[in-house]
Amino acid sequence: MIIEINNSSEFEKYSAAGDVLVDFNATWCGPCKMLSPILEQLDKEGSYPNLKILKVDVDRVGEVAARYGIQFIPALFYFKDGQLIKKAQGYHTLAALKNFIEK
């Protein structure tokens, strides 16, 4: 499930439980645009049925981006039950994205 986040309260609600992959991005970012269809493919594939993918536009929801010190985008953060487990930056292929989630 891909969820567009519009404010910090939505972020808190959706990132608090379960497996959550957060994509910090911006509409003007080329690598972010390239990553978006990969995330959609990951979601449609169904390999991770319990995974929520949150898309956070750093220009629209800057308070969340600032809280996590986002300086480069795309930035991927993986949360499990509200706890930040790991993070990565830049474009990822589908295989690299799966590797990031699984390890």
PDB file of N, CA and C in Angstrom:
ATOM      1  N   MET A   1       0.839  -1.167   0.000  1.00  0.00           N
ATOM      2  CA  MET A   1       0.000   0.000   0.000  1.00  0.00           C
ATOM      3  C   MET A   1       0.893   1.242   0.000  1.00  0.00           C
ATOM      4  N   ILE A   2       0.674   2.148  -0.960  1.00  0.00           N
ATOM      5  CA  ILE A   2       1.419   3.398  -1.037  1.00  0.00           C
ATOM      6  C   ILE A   2       0.518   4.516  -0.533  1.00  0.00           C
ATOM      7  N   ILE A   3       1.047   5.289   0.418  1.00  0.00           N
ATOM      8  CA  ILE A   3       0.271   6.356   1.043  1.00  0.00           C
ATOM      9  C   ILE A   3       1.031   7.669   0.913  1.00  0.00           C
ATOM     10  N   GLU A   4       0.382   8.668   0.317  1.00  0.00           N
ATOM     11  CA  GLU A   4       0.961  10.007   0.236  1.00  0.00           C
ATOM     12  C   GLU A   4       0.720  10.712   1.575  1.00  0.00           C
ATOM     13  N   ILE A   5       1.779  11.162   2.200  1.00  0.00           N
ATOM     14  CA  ILE A   5       1.686  11.819   3.499  1.00  0.00           C
ATOM     15  C   ILE A   5       1.561  13.334   3.293  1.00  0.00           C
ATOM     16  N   ASN A   6       0.591  13.936   3.969  1.00  0.00           N
ATOM     17  CA  ASN A   6       0.327  15.365   3.812  1.00  0.00           C
ATOM     18  C   ASN A   6       0.705  16.208   5.023  1.00  0.00           C
ATOM     19  N   ASN A   7       0.928  15.563   6.171  1.00  0.00           N
ATOM     20  CA  ASN A   7       1.289  16.318   7.369  1.00  0.00           C
ATOM     21  C   ASN A   7       1.941  15.383   8.391  1.00  0.00           C
ATOM     22  N   SER A   8       2.470  15.949   9.446  1.00  0.00           N
ATOM     23  CA  SER A   8       3.202  15.149  10.429  1.00  0.00           C
ATOM     24  C   SER A   8       2.286  14.193  11.199  1.00  0.00           C
ATOM     25  N   SER A   9       1.032  14.553  11.411  1.00  0.00           N
ATOM     26  CA  SER A   9       0.143  13.646  12.139  1.00  0.00           C
ATOM     27  C   SER A   9      -0.161  12.396  11.309  1.00  0.00           C
ATOM     28  N   GLU A  10      -0.298  12.547   9.994  1.00  0.00           N
ATOM     29  CA  GLU A  10      -0.468  11.373   9.134  1.00  0.00           C
ATOM     30  C   GLU A  10       0.779  10.497   9.180  1.00  0.00           C
ATOM     31  N   PHE A  11       1.940  11.134   9.160  1.00  0.00           N
ATOM     32  CA  PHE A  11       3.187  10.375   9.231  1.00  0.00           C
ATOM     33  C   PHE A  11       3.232   9.553  10.515  1.00  0.00           C
ATOM     34  N   GLU A  12       2.904  10.172  11.624  1.00  0.00           N
ATOM     35  CA  GLU A  12       2.910   9.477  12.918  1.00  0.00           C
ATOM     36  C   GLU A  12       1.933   8.300  12.903  1.00  0.00           C
ATOM     37  N   LYS A  13       0.760   8.530  12.364  1.00  0.00           N
ATOM     38  CA  LYS A  13      -0.279   7.496  12.325  1.00  0.00           C
ATOM     39  C   LYS A  13       0.178   6.272  11.528  1.00  0.00           C
ATOM     40  N   TYR A  14       0.696   6.497  10.334  1.00  0.00           N
ATOM     41  CA  TYR A  14       1.025   5.377   9.448  1.00  0.00           C
ATOM     42  C   TYR A  14       2.380   4.729   9.726  1.00  0.00           C
ATOM     43  N   SER A  15       3.290   5.447  10.387  1.00  0.00           N
ATOM     44  CA  SER A  15       4.617   4.877  10.643  1.00  0.00           C
ATOM     45  C   SER A  15       4.720   4.209  12.008  1.00  0.00           C
ATOM     46  N   ALA A  16       3.674   4.282  12.800  1.00  0.00           N
ATOM     47  CA  ALA A  16       3.731   3.799  14.186  1.00  0.00           C
ATOM     48  C   ALA A  16       3.749   2.286  14.334  1.00  0.00           C
ATOM     49  N   ALA A  17       3.197   1.559  13.379  1.00  0.00           N
ATOM     50  CA  ALA A  17       3.087   0.105  13.537  1.00  0.00           C
ATOM     51  C   ALA A  17       3.371  -0.614  12.233  1.00  0.00           C
ATOM     52  N   GLY A  18       3.933  -1.803  12.366  1.00  0.00           N
ATOM     53  CA  GLY A  18       4.181  -2.648  11.210  1.00  0.00           C
ATOM     54  C   GLY A  18       5.456  -2.302  10.473  1.00  0.00           C
ATOM     55  N   ASP A  19       5.589  -2.855   9.268  1.00  0.00           N
ATOM     56  CA  ASP A  19       6.739  -2.612   8.404  1.00  0.00           C
ATOM     57  C   ASP A  19       6.420  -1.435   7.497  1.00  0.00           C
ATOM     58  N   VAL A  20       7.270  -0.410   7.558  1.00  0.00           N
ATOM     59  CA  VAL A  20       7.002   0.820   6.825  1.00  0.00           C
ATOM     60  C   VAL A  20       8.269   1.277   6.101  1.00  0.00           C
ATOM     61  N   LEU A  21       8.137   1.488   4.801  1.00  0.00           N
ATOM     62  CA  LEU A  21       9.217   2.047   3.995  1.00  0.00           C
ATOM     63  C   LEU A  21       8.821   3.477   3.661  1.00  0.00           C
ATOM     64  N   VAL A  22       9.653   4.428   4.064  1.00  0.00           N
ATOM     65  CA  VAL A  22       9.358   5.840   3.823  1.00  0.00           C
ATOM     66  C   VAL A  22      10.264   6.352   2.708  1.00  0.00           C
ATOM     67  N   ASP A  23       9.654   6.944   1.698  1.00  0.00           N
ATOM     68  CA  ASP A  23      10.370   7.560   0.585  1.00  0.00           C
ATOM     69  C   ASP A  23      10.274   9.072   0.750  1.00  0.00           C
ATOM     70  N   PHE A  24      11.376   9.690   1.185  1.00  0.00           N
ATOM     71  CA  PHE A  24      11.446  11.151   1.237  1.00  0.00           C
ATOM     72  C   PHE A  24      11.847  11.612  -0.155  1.00  0.00           C
ATOM     73  N   ASN A  25      11.023  12.471  -0.759  1.00  0.00           N
ATOM     74  CA  ASN A  25      11.223  12.851  -2.149  1.00  0.00           C
ATOM     75  C   ASN A  25      10.787  14.283  -2.392  1.00  0.00           C
ATOM     76  N   ALA A  26      10.914  14.733  -3.654  1.00  0.00           N
ATOM     77  CA  ALA A  26      10.413  16.039  -4.082  1.00  0.00           C
ATOM     78  C   ALA A  26      10.014  15.941  -5.550  1.00  0.00           C
ATOM     79  N   THR A  27       9.067  16.750  -5.955  1.00  0.00           N
ATOM     80  CA  THR A  27       8.562  16.695  -7.326  1.00  0.00           C
ATOM     81  C   THR A  27       9.619  17.111  -8.344  1.00  0.00           C
ATOM     82  N   TRP A  28      10.578  17.936  -7.959  1.00  0.00           N
ATOM     83  CA  TRP A  28      11.601  18.440  -8.877  1.00  0.00           C
ATOM     84  C   TRP A  28      12.836  17.532  -8.960  1.00  0.00           C
ATOM     85  N   CYS A  29      12.868  16.463  -8.192  1.00  0.00           N
ATOM     86  CA  CYS A  29      14.042  15.590  -8.068  1.00  0.00           C
ATOM     87  C   CYS A  29      14.018  14.478  -9.118  1.00  0.00           C
ATOM     88  N   GLY A  30      14.996  14.479 -10.024  1.00  0.00           N
ATOM     89  CA  GLY A  30      15.077  13.470 -11.072  1.00  0.00           C
ATOM     90  C   GLY A  30      15.170  12.044 -10.552  1.00  0.00           C
ATOM     91  N   PRO A  31      16.125  11.742  -9.652  1.00  0.00           N
ATOM     92  CA  PRO A  31      16.201  10.378  -9.115  1.00  0.00           C
ATOM     93  C   PRO A  31      14.938   9.958  -8.371  1.00  0.00           C
ATOM     94  N   CYS A  32      14.251  10.918  -7.751  1.00  0.00           N
ATOM     95  CA  CYS A  32      12.989  10.605  -7.065  1.00  0.00           C
ATOM     96  C   CYS A  32      11.941  10.149  -8.080  1.00  0.00           C
ATOM     97  N   LYS A  33      11.898  10.831  -9.225  1.00  0.00           N
ATOM     98  CA  LYS A  33      10.952  10.461 -10.284  1.00  0.00           C
ATOM     99  C   LYS A  33      11.273   9.077 -10.828  1.00  0.00           C
ATOM    100  N   MET A  34      12.546   8.733 -10.892  1.00  0.00           N
ATOM    101  CA  MET A  34      12.945   7.411 -11.376  1.00  0.00           C
ATOM    102  C   MET A  34      12.600   6.322 -10.369  1.00  0.00           C
ATOM    103  N   LEU A  35      12.665   6.648  -9.072  1.00  0.00           N
ATOM    104  CA  LEU A  35      12.388   5.669  -8.025  1.00  0.00           C
ATOM    105  C   LEU A  35      10.894   5.389  -7.880  1.00  0.00           C
ATOM    106  N   SER A  36      10.066   6.350  -8.173  1.00  0.00           N
ATOM    107  CA  SER A  36       8.627   6.220  -7.960  1.00  0.00           C
ATOM    108  C   SER A  36       8.020   4.989  -8.648  1.00  0.00           C
ATOM    109  N   PRO A  37       8.303   4.726  -9.935  1.00  0.00           N
ATOM    110  CA  PRO A  37       7.723   3.526 -10.547  1.00  0.00           C
ATOM    111  C   PRO A  37       8.283   2.225  -9.964  1.00  0.00           C
ATOM    112  N   ILE A  38       9.496   2.272  -9.433  1.00  0.00           N
ATOM    113  CA  ILE A  38      10.071   1.086  -8.784  1.00  0.00           C
ATOM    114  C   ILE A  38       9.279   0.778  -7.514  1.00  0.00           C
ATOM    115  N   LEU A  39       8.949   1.816  -6.755  1.00  0.00           N
ATOM    116  CA  LEU A  39       8.144   1.626  -5.544  1.00  0.00           C
ATOM    117  C   LEU A  39       6.754   1.102  -5.892  1.00  0.00           C
ATOM    118  N   GLU A  40       6.176   1.621  -6.971  1.00  0.00           N
ATOM    119  CA  GLU A  40       4.863   1.142  -7.409  1.00  0.00           C
ATOM    120  C   GLU A  40       4.936  -0.325  -7.825  1.00  0.00           C
ATOM    121  N   GLN A  41       6.002  -0.682  -8.519  1.00  0.00           N
ATOM    122  CA  GLN A  41       6.196  -2.074  -8.926  1.00  0.00           C
ATOM    123  C   GLN A  41       6.335  -2.970  -7.704  1.00  0.00           C
ATOM    124  N   LEU A  42       7.102  -2.532  -6.728  1.00  0.00           N
ATOM    125  CA  LEU A  42       7.277  -3.292  -5.489  1.00  0.00           C
ATOM    126  C   LEU A  42       5.925  -3.509  -4.813  1.00  0.00           C
ATOM    127  N   ASP A  43       5.117  -2.463  -4.772  1.00  0.00           N
ATOM    128  CA  ASP A  43       3.802  -2.546  -4.140  1.00  0.00           C
ATOM    129  C   ASP A  43       2.880  -3.508  -4.896  1.00  0.00           C
ATOM    130  N   LYS A  44       2.823  -3.393  -6.205  1.00  0.00           N
ATOM    131  CA  LYS A  44       1.930  -4.223  -7.019  1.00  0.00           C
ATOM    132  C   LYS A  44       2.353  -5.688  -7.049  1.00  0.00           C
ATOM    133  N   GLU A  45       3.654  -5.924  -6.934  1.00  0.00           N
ATOM    134  CA  GLU A  45       4.181  -7.283  -6.986  1.00  0.00           C
ATOM    135  C   GLU A  45       3.644  -8.155  -5.858  1.00  0.00           C
ATOM    136  N   GLY A  46       3.416  -7.549  -4.700  1.00  0.00           N
ATOM    137  CA  GLY A  46       2.828  -8.280  -3.586  1.00  0.00           C
ATOM    138  C   GLY A  46       3.779  -9.146  -2.783  1.00  0.00           C
ATOM    139  N   SER A  47       5.068  -8.998  -2.991  1.00  0.00           N
ATOM    140  CA  SER A  47       6.052  -9.798  -2.237  1.00  0.00           C
ATOM    141  C   SER A  47       6.061  -9.463  -0.750  1.00  0.00           C
ATOM    142  N   TYR A  48       5.629  -8.262  -0.417  1.00  0.00           N
ATOM    143  CA  TYR A  48       5.629  -7.796   0.976  1.00  0.00           C
ATOM    144  C   TYR A  48       4.222  -7.293   1.314  1.00  0.00           C
ATOM    145  N   PRO A  49       3.285  -8.207   1.522  1.00  0.00           N
ATOM    146  CA  PRO A  49       1.880  -7.803   1.695  1.00  0.00           C
ATOM    147  C   PRO A  49       1.629  -6.929   2.922  1.00  0.00           C
ATOM    148  N   ASN A  50       2.495  -6.975   3.906  1.00  0.00           N
ATOM    149  CA  ASN A  50       2.298  -6.175   5.121  1.00  0.00           C
ATOM    150  C   ASN A  50       3.080  -4.871   5.109  1.00  0.00           C
ATOM    151  N   LEU A  51       3.770  -4.583   4.013  1.00  0.00           N
ATOM    152  CA  LEU A  51       4.592  -3.383   3.924  1.00  0.00           C
ATOM    153  C   LEU A  51       3.754  -2.180   3.522  1.00  0.00           C
ATOM    154  N   LYS A  52       3.882  -1.098   4.278  1.00  0.00           N
ATOM    155  CA  LYS A  52       3.293   0.183   3.903  1.00  0.00           C
ATOM    156  C   LYS A  52       4.421   1.031   3.325  1.00  0.00           C
ATOM    157  N   ILE A  53       4.157   1.690   2.218  1.00  0.00           N
ATOM    158  CA  ILE A  53       5.117   2.610   1.626  1.00  0.00           C
ATOM    159  C   ILE A  53       4.555   4.014   1.777  1.00  0.00           C
ATOM    160  N   LEU A  54       5.289   4.853   2.485  1.00  0.00           N
ATOM    161  CA  LEU A  54       4.865   6.238   2.693  1.00  0.00           C
ATOM    162  C   LEU A  54       5.700   7.143   1.808  1.00  0.00           C
ATOM    163  N   LYS A  55       5.055   8.015   1.070  1.00  0.00           N
ATOM    164  CA  LYS A  55       5.750   8.988   0.237  1.00  0.00           C
ATOM    165  C   LYS A  55       5.622  10.348   0.917  1.00  0.00           C
ATOM    166  N   VAL A  56       6.780  10.922   1.259  1.00  0.00           N
ATOM    167  CA  VAL A  56       6.814  12.202   1.965  1.00  0.00           C
ATOM    168  C   VAL A  56       7.532  13.217   1.084  1.00  0.00           C
ATOM    169  N   ASP A  57       6.787  14.189   0.571  1.00  0.00           N
ATOM    170  CA  ASP A  57       7.370  15.271  -0.220  1.00  0.00           C
ATOM    171  C   ASP A  57       8.028  16.251   0.764  1.00  0.00           C
ATOM    172  N   VAL A  58       9.344  16.400   0.660  1.00  0.00           N
ATOM    173  CA  VAL A  58      10.082  17.206   1.635  1.00  0.00           C
ATOM    174  C   VAL A  58       9.707  18.686   1.565  1.00  0.00           C
ATOM    175  N   ASP A  59       9.176  19.146   0.439  1.00  0.00           N
ATOM    176  CA  ASP A  59       8.754  20.537   0.323  1.00  0.00           C
ATOM    177  C   ASP A  59       7.390  20.768   0.969  1.00  0.00           C
ATOM    178  N   ARG A  60       6.526  19.770   0.924  1.00  0.00           N
ATOM    179  CA  ARG A  60       5.184  19.905   1.501  1.00  0.00           C
ATOM    180  C   ARG A  60       5.136  19.530   2.973  1.00  0.00           C
ATOM    181  N   VAL A  61       5.942  18.565   3.383  1.00  0.00           N
ATOM    182  CA  VAL A  61       5.918  18.067   4.764  1.00  0.00           C
ATOM    183  C   VAL A  61       7.334  18.227   5.351  1.00  0.00           C
ATOM    184  N   GLY A  62       7.793  19.457   5.312  1.00  0.00           N
ATOM    185  CA  GLY A  62       9.159  19.762   5.724  1.00  0.00           C
ATOM    186  C   GLY A  62       9.458  19.462   7.178  1.00  0.00           C
ATOM    187  N   GLU A  63       8.446  19.527   8.038  1.00  0.00           N
ATOM    188  CA  GLU A  63       8.693  19.266   9.463  1.00  0.00           C
ATOM    189  C   GLU A  63       9.122  17.829   9.707  1.00  0.00           C
ATOM    190  N   VAL A  64       8.573  16.884   8.943  1.00  0.00           N
ATOM    191  CA  VAL A  64       8.973  15.477   9.091  1.00  0.00           C
ATOM    192  C   VAL A  64      10.376  15.280   8.526  1.00  0.00           C
ATOM    193  N   ALA A  65      10.650  15.872   7.380  1.00  0.00           N
ATOM    194  CA  ALA A  65      11.979  15.775   6.783  1.00  0.00           C
ATOM    195  C   ALA A  65      13.030  16.376   7.709  1.00  0.00           C
ATOM    196  N   ALA A  66      12.721  17.498   8.324  1.00  0.00           N
ATOM    197  CA  ALA A  66      13.663  18.141   9.247  1.00  0.00           C
ATOM    198  C   ALA A  66      13.897  17.269  10.478  1.00  0.00           C
ATOM    199  N   ARG A  67      12.858  16.626  10.977  1.00  0.00           N
ATOM    200  CA  ARG A  67      12.987  15.773  12.160  1.00  0.00           C
ATOM    201  C   ARG A  67      13.992  14.642  11.924  1.00  0.00           C
ATOM    202  N   TYR A  68      14.030  14.143  10.690  1.00  0.00           N
ATOM    203  CA  TYR A  68      14.934  13.037  10.372  1.00  0.00           C
ATOM    204  C   TYR A  68      16.216  13.492   9.677  1.00  0.00           C
ATOM    205  N   GLY A  69      16.435  14.798   9.625  1.00  0.00           N
ATOM    206  CA  GLY A  69      17.682  15.331   9.091  1.00  0.00           C
ATOM    207  C   GLY A  69      17.900  15.037   7.616  1.00  0.00           C
ATOM    208  N   ILE A  70      16.837  15.039   6.832  1.00  0.00           N
ATOM    209  CA  ILE A  70      16.960  14.743   5.406  1.00  0.00           C
ATOM    210  C   ILE A  70      17.713  15.877   4.717  1.00  0.00           C
ATOM    211  N   GLN A  71      18.836  15.530   4.103  1.00  0.00           N
ATOM    212  CA  GLN A  71      19.631  16.499   3.355  1.00  0.00           C
ATOM    213  C   GLN A  71      19.747  16.125   1.886  1.00  0.00           C
ATOM    214  N   PHE A  72      19.605  14.836   1.585  1.00  0.00           N
ATOM    215  CA  PHE A  72      19.699  14.349   0.214  1.00  0.00           C
ATOM    216  C   PHE A  72      18.472  13.497  -0.083  1.00  0.00           C
ATOM    217  N   ILE A  73      17.960  13.624  -1.308  1.00  0.00           N
ATOM    218  CA  ILE A  73      16.808  12.833  -1.704  1.00  0.00           C
ATOM    219  C   ILE A  73      17.091  12.168  -3.043  1.00  0.00           C
ATOM    220  N   PRO A  74      16.455  11.055  -3.322  1.00  0.00           N
ATOM    221  CA  PRO A  74      15.539  10.355  -2.439  1.00  0.00           C
ATOM    222  C   PRO A  74      16.268   9.735  -1.251  1.00  0.00           C
ATOM    223  N   ALA A  75      15.571   9.712  -0.149  1.00  0.00           N
ATOM    224  CA  ALA A  75      16.060   9.054   1.062  1.00  0.00           C
ATOM    225  C   ALA A  75      15.020   8.016   1.461  1.00  0.00           C
ATOM    226  N   LEU A  76      15.489   6.816   1.725  1.00  0.00           N
ATOM    227  CA  LEU A  76      14.605   5.718   2.111  1.00  0.00           C
ATOM    228  C   LEU A  76      14.867   5.354   3.566  1.00  0.00           C
ATOM    229  N   PHE A  77      13.821   5.337   4.357  1.00  0.00           N
ATOM    230  CA  PHE A  77      13.903   4.960   5.761  1.00  0.00           C
ATOM    231  C   PHE A  77      12.999   3.760   5.981  1.00  0.00           C
ATOM    232  N   TYR A  78      13.489   2.766   6.703  1.00  0.00           N
ATOM    233  CA  TYR A  78      12.708   1.571   6.993  1.00  0.00           C
ATOM    234  C   TYR A  78      12.407   1.525   8.483  1.00  0.00           C
ATOM    235  N   PHE A  79      11.123   1.505   8.813  1.00  0.00           N
ATOM    236  CA  PHE A  79      10.666   1.456  10.195  1.00  0.00           C
ATOM    237  C   PHE A  79      10.004   0.116  10.469  1.00  0.00           C
ATOM    238  N   LYS A  80      10.154  -0.372  11.676  1.00  0.00           N
ATOM    239  CA  LYS A  80       9.441  -1.562  12.133  1.00  0.00           C
ATOM    240  C   LYS A  80       8.807  -1.198  13.465  1.00  0.00           C
ATOM    241  N   ASP A  81       7.496  -1.241  13.502  1.00  0.00           N
ATOM    242  CA  ASP A  81       6.729  -0.881  14.709  1.00  0.00           C
ATOM    243  C   ASP A  81       7.171   0.450  15.306  1.00  0.00           C
ATOM    244  N   GLY A  82       7.338   1.436  14.428  1.00  0.00           N
ATOM    245  CA  GLY A  82       7.653   2.791  14.863  1.00  0.00           C
ATOM    246  C   GLY A  82       9.114   3.072  15.118  1.00  0.00           C
ATOM    247  N   GLN A  83       9.964   2.072  15.044  1.00  0.00           N
ATOM    248  CA  GLN A  83      11.393   2.251  15.288  1.00  0.00           C
ATOM    249  C   GLN A  83      12.145   2.291  13.957  1.00  0.00           C
ATOM    250  N   LEU A  84      13.003   3.298  13.798  1.00  0.00           N
ATOM    251  CA  LEU A  84      13.830   3.391  12.609  1.00  0.00           C
ATOM    252  C   LEU A  84      14.868   2.281  12.640  1.00  0.00           C
ATOM    253  N   ILE A  85      14.867   1.432  11.611  1.00  0.00           N
ATOM    254  CA  ILE A  85      15.775   0.295  11.539  1.00  0.00           C
ATOM    255  C   ILE A  85      16.995   0.614  10.681  1.00  0.00           C
ATOM    256  N   LYS A  86      16.757   1.243   9.518  1.00  0.00           N
ATOM    257  CA  LYS A  86      17.865   1.570   8.622  1.00  0.00           C
ATOM    258  C   LYS A  86      17.436   2.629   7.629  1.00  0.00           C
ATOM    259  N   LYS A  87      18.442   3.185   6.945  1.00  0.00           N
ATOM    260  CA  LYS A  87      18.168   4.210   5.950  1.00  0.00           C
ATOM    261  C   LYS A  87      19.180   4.126   4.815  1.00  0.00           C
ATOM    262  N   ALA A  88      18.763   4.642   3.664  1.00  0.00           N
ATOM    263  CA  ALA A  88      19.608   4.651   2.477  1.00  0.00           C
ATOM    264  C   ALA A  88      19.262   5.891   1.656  1.00  0.00           C
ATOM    265  N   GLN A  89      20.167   6.250   0.779  1.00  0.00           N
ATOM    266  CA  GLN A  89      19.939   7.411  -0.077  1.00  0.00           C
ATOM    267  C   GLN A  89      20.079   7.024  -1.537  1.00  0.00           C
ATOM    268  N   GLY A  90      19.425   7.787  -2.399  1.00  0.00           N
ATOM    269  CA  GLY A  90      19.594   7.639  -3.828  1.00  0.00           C
ATOM    270  C   GLY A  90      18.636   6.650  -4.464  1.00  0.00           C
ATOM    271  N   TYR A  91      18.774   6.561  -5.774  1.00  0.00           N
ATOM    272  CA  TYR A  91      17.953   5.667  -6.583  1.00  0.00           C
ATOM    273  C   TYR A  91      18.326   4.220  -6.294  1.00  0.00           C
ATOM    274  N   HIS A  92      17.331   3.332  -6.284  1.00  0.00           N
ATOM    275  CA  HIS A  92      17.553   1.899  -6.102  1.00  0.00           C
ATOM    276  C   HIS A  92      16.788   1.137  -7.176  1.00  0.00           C
ATOM    277  N   THR A  93      17.397   0.103  -7.711  1.00  0.00           N
ATOM    278  CA  THR A  93      16.684  -0.802  -8.609  1.00  0.00           C
ATOM    279  C   THR A  93      15.716  -1.621  -7.753  1.00  0.00           C
ATOM    280  N   LEU A  94      14.846  -2.370  -8.402  1.00  0.00           N
ATOM    281  CA  LEU A  94      13.906  -3.211  -7.665  1.00  0.00           C
ATOM    282  C   LEU A  94      14.666  -4.239  -6.825  1.00  0.00           C
ATOM    283  N   ALA A  95      15.694  -4.862  -7.398  1.00  0.00           N
ATOM    284  CA  ALA A  95      16.474  -5.862  -6.661  1.00  0.00           C
ATOM    285  C   ALA A  95      17.178  -5.237  -5.456  1.00  0.00           C
ATOM    286  N   ALA A  96      17.743  -4.049  -5.639  1.00  0.00           N
ATOM    287  CA  ALA A  96      18.428  -3.368  -4.532  1.00  0.00           C
ATOM    288  C   ALA A  96      17.431  -2.959  -3.450  1.00  0.00           C
ATOM    289  N   LEU A  97      16.248  -2.563  -3.851  1.00  0.00           N
ATOM    290  CA  LEU A  97      15.211  -2.185  -2.897  1.00  0.00           C
ATOM    291  C   LEU A  97      14.768  -3.383  -2.067  1.00  0.00           C
ATOM    292  N   LYS A  98      14.596  -4.522  -2.720  1.00  0.00           N
ATOM    293  CA  LYS A  98      14.233  -5.744  -1.997  1.00  0.00           C
ATOM    294  C   LYS A  98      15.337  -6.136  -1.028  1.00  0.00           C
ATOM    295  N   ASN A  99      16.561  -6.014  -1.448  1.00  0.00           N
ATOM    296  CA  ASN A  99      17.710  -6.324  -0.586  1.00  0.00           C
ATOM    297  C   ASN A  99      17.729  -5.408   0.631  1.00  0.00           C
ATOM    298  N   PHE A 100      17.425  -4.135   0.409  1.00  0.00           N
ATOM    299  CA  PHE A 100      17.373  -3.166   1.514  1.00  0.00           C
ATOM    300  C   PHE A 100      16.293  -3.554   2.519  1.00  0.00           C
ATOM    301  N   ILE A 101      15.140  -3.977   2.045  1.00  0.00           N
ATOM    302  CA  ILE A 101      14.033  -4.349   2.928  1.00  0.00           C
ATOM    303  C   ILE A 101      14.342  -5.630   3.695  1.00  0.00           C
ATOM    304  N   GLU A 102      14.949  -6.582   3.024  1.00  0.00           N
ATOM    305  CA  GLU A 102      15.129  -7.911   3.608  1.00  0.00           C
ATOM    306  C   GLU A 102      16.303  -8.017   4.571  1.00  0.00           C
ATOM    307  N   LYS A 103      17.305  -7.204   4.446  1.00  0.00           N
ATOM    308  CA  LYS A 103      18.513  -7.362   5.281  1.00  0.00           C
ATOM    309  C   LYS A 103      18.620  -6.323   6.351  1.00  0.00           C
TER     310      LYS A 103
END
